[in-house]
Protein backbone atom coordinates (compact mmCIF):
# COMPACT_ATOMS: atom_id res chain seq x y z
CA MET A 1 45.57 32.95 -224.67
CA ARG A 2 44.09 36.33 -225.15
CA LEU A 3 40.63 34.92 -225.38
CA SER A 4 40.95 32.84 -222.24
CA LEU A 5 42.20 35.86 -220.25
CA LEU A 6 39.23 37.86 -221.48
CA ALA A 7 36.86 35.01 -220.55
CA ALA A 8 38.38 34.68 -217.07
CA THR A 9 38.12 38.44 -216.51
CA SER A 10 34.51 38.48 -217.63
CA LEU A 11 33.73 35.71 -215.15
CA LEU A 12 35.67 37.39 -212.32
CA ILE A 13 34.13 40.86 -212.61
CA PRO A 14 30.55 39.86 -211.62
CA THR A 15 31.88 37.88 -208.65
CA LEU A 16 33.90 40.86 -207.44
CA ALA A 17 30.92 43.15 -207.93
CA LYS A 18 28.74 40.90 -205.77
CA ALA A 19 31.38 40.79 -203.03
CA GLN A 20 31.74 44.56 -203.10
CA ALA A 21 27.96 45.03 -202.90
CA ALA A 22 27.81 42.70 -199.89
CA ALA A 23 30.61 44.63 -198.18
CA GLN A 24 28.79 47.93 -198.72
CA GLN A 25 25.55 46.54 -197.32
CA GLY A 26 26.84 46.57 -193.71
CA PRO A 27 25.86 44.48 -190.70
CA SER A 28 22.41 43.03 -190.30
CA THR A 29 19.95 44.23 -187.68
CA ILE A 30 20.65 41.28 -185.41
CA GLU A 31 24.39 41.92 -185.55
CA MET A 32 23.76 45.55 -184.62
CA LEU A 33 21.64 44.56 -181.59
CA ILE A 34 24.07 42.02 -180.14
CA MET A 35 26.59 44.58 -178.82
CA PRO A 36 24.08 46.88 -176.98
CA MET A 37 22.30 43.86 -175.51
CA GLY A 38 25.63 42.57 -174.24
CA PHE A 39 26.38 45.93 -172.61
CA LEU A 40 22.94 45.99 -170.96
CA LEU A 41 23.45 42.48 -169.65
CA ILE A 42 26.86 43.38 -168.21
CA MET A 43 25.43 46.56 -166.62
CA TYR A 44 22.61 44.56 -165.05
CA PHE A 45 24.90 42.01 -163.42
CA PHE A 46 27.61 44.43 -162.30
CA MET A 47 25.61 47.55 -161.39
CA ILE A 48 21.85 47.19 -161.12
CA ARG A 49 21.55 43.79 -159.42
CA PRO A 50 24.06 44.53 -156.60
CA GLN A 51 22.37 47.89 -155.94
CA GLN A 52 18.98 46.20 -155.66
CA LYS A 53 20.45 43.65 -153.25
CA ARG A 54 21.88 46.44 -151.03
CA ALA A 55 18.52 48.25 -151.09
CA ARG A 56 16.69 45.07 -149.99
CA GLU A 57 19.19 44.49 -147.18
CA HIS A 58 18.85 48.11 -146.02
CA GLN A 59 15.06 47.88 -146.05
CA ALA A 60 15.21 44.67 -144.00
CA PHE A 61 17.55 46.39 -141.51
CA ILE A 62 15.23 49.40 -141.19
CA SER A 63 12.16 47.24 -140.66
CA ALA A 64 13.98 45.19 -138.00
CA LEU A 65 15.06 48.21 -135.90
CA LYS A 66 14.27 47.86 -132.21
CA PRO A 67 15.07 49.89 -129.09
CA GLY A 68 18.66 49.38 -127.98
CA ASP A 69 20.21 49.08 -131.45
CA GLU A 70 23.19 51.33 -132.14
CA VAL A 71 22.83 53.09 -135.48
CA VAL A 72 24.52 55.66 -137.69
CA THR A 73 22.47 58.30 -139.51
CA SER A 74 23.24 59.59 -142.98
CA GLY A 75 24.58 62.74 -141.30
CA GLY A 76 27.12 60.70 -139.35
CA ILE A 77 25.40 60.85 -135.96
CA ILE A 78 25.89 57.71 -133.89
CA GLY A 79 23.34 56.84 -131.25
CA ARG A 80 21.16 54.23 -129.60
CA VAL A 81 17.55 53.69 -130.70
CA LYS A 82 15.11 54.65 -127.92
CA SER A 83 11.83 54.07 -129.72
CA VAL A 84 10.57 53.24 -133.19
CA ALA A 85 7.46 54.83 -134.72
CA GLU A 86 5.94 54.40 -138.18
CA GLY A 87 8.26 56.71 -140.12
CA PHE A 88 10.55 58.00 -137.39
CA VAL A 89 13.08 56.70 -134.91
CA ASN A 90 14.02 58.41 -131.63
CA VAL A 91 17.78 58.15 -131.21
CA GLU A 92 19.61 58.91 -127.98
CA VAL A 93 22.91 60.56 -128.87
CA ALA A 94 24.29 61.60 -125.46
CA GLY A 95 22.90 61.31 -121.94
CA ASP A 96 19.32 62.56 -122.08
CA THR A 97 19.62 64.05 -125.58
CA VAL A 98 17.14 62.35 -127.89
CA ILE A 99 16.68 63.32 -131.55
CA LYS A 100 13.91 62.32 -133.90
CA VAL A 101 15.23 60.92 -137.19
CA LEU A 102 13.50 59.66 -140.32
CA LYS A 103 13.83 55.92 -140.78
CA SER A 104 15.19 56.53 -144.27
CA ALA A 105 18.04 58.59 -142.76
CA ILE A 106 19.37 55.59 -140.84
CA GLU A 107 22.42 54.32 -142.77
CA GLY A 108 23.20 51.21 -140.77
CA GLN A 109 24.67 49.84 -137.59
CA SER A 110 27.35 51.75 -135.73
CA PRO A 111 30.91 50.51 -136.29
CA LYS A 112 31.03 49.21 -132.70
CA ALA A 113 27.81 47.24 -133.19
CA GLN A 114 29.05 45.88 -136.53
CA ALA A 115 32.26 44.64 -134.93
CA ALA A 116 30.28 42.93 -132.19
CA THR A 117 27.97 41.15 -134.67
CA THR A 118 30.78 39.97 -136.95
CA LYS A 119 32.87 38.40 -134.15
CA PRO A 120 32.00 34.72 -133.60
């Protein structure tokens, strides 16, 4: 009995040593790259892609500006477009008051104009 216990122990020790060495080795390179790639993929679909879509829509809105459109500037000024130049828009804010605004400072349509375009 003593001999068989010694033989079993001698067979078990190398197996345990191999398992312990494998556990100390750690994850492979591919396993380490899976998690960051997953995070990047999630960030792309939930943050980057929607922002690019909004930027394209805003650029299309800016390029389609025409006299008579009601707009809101990034400063919160609401007015009606009088004329459109290459990089600027003349916006009438009250009566005969016309201000010159950069096209990039136009945020979007005025709330009144948005309500009118969304109603069927």
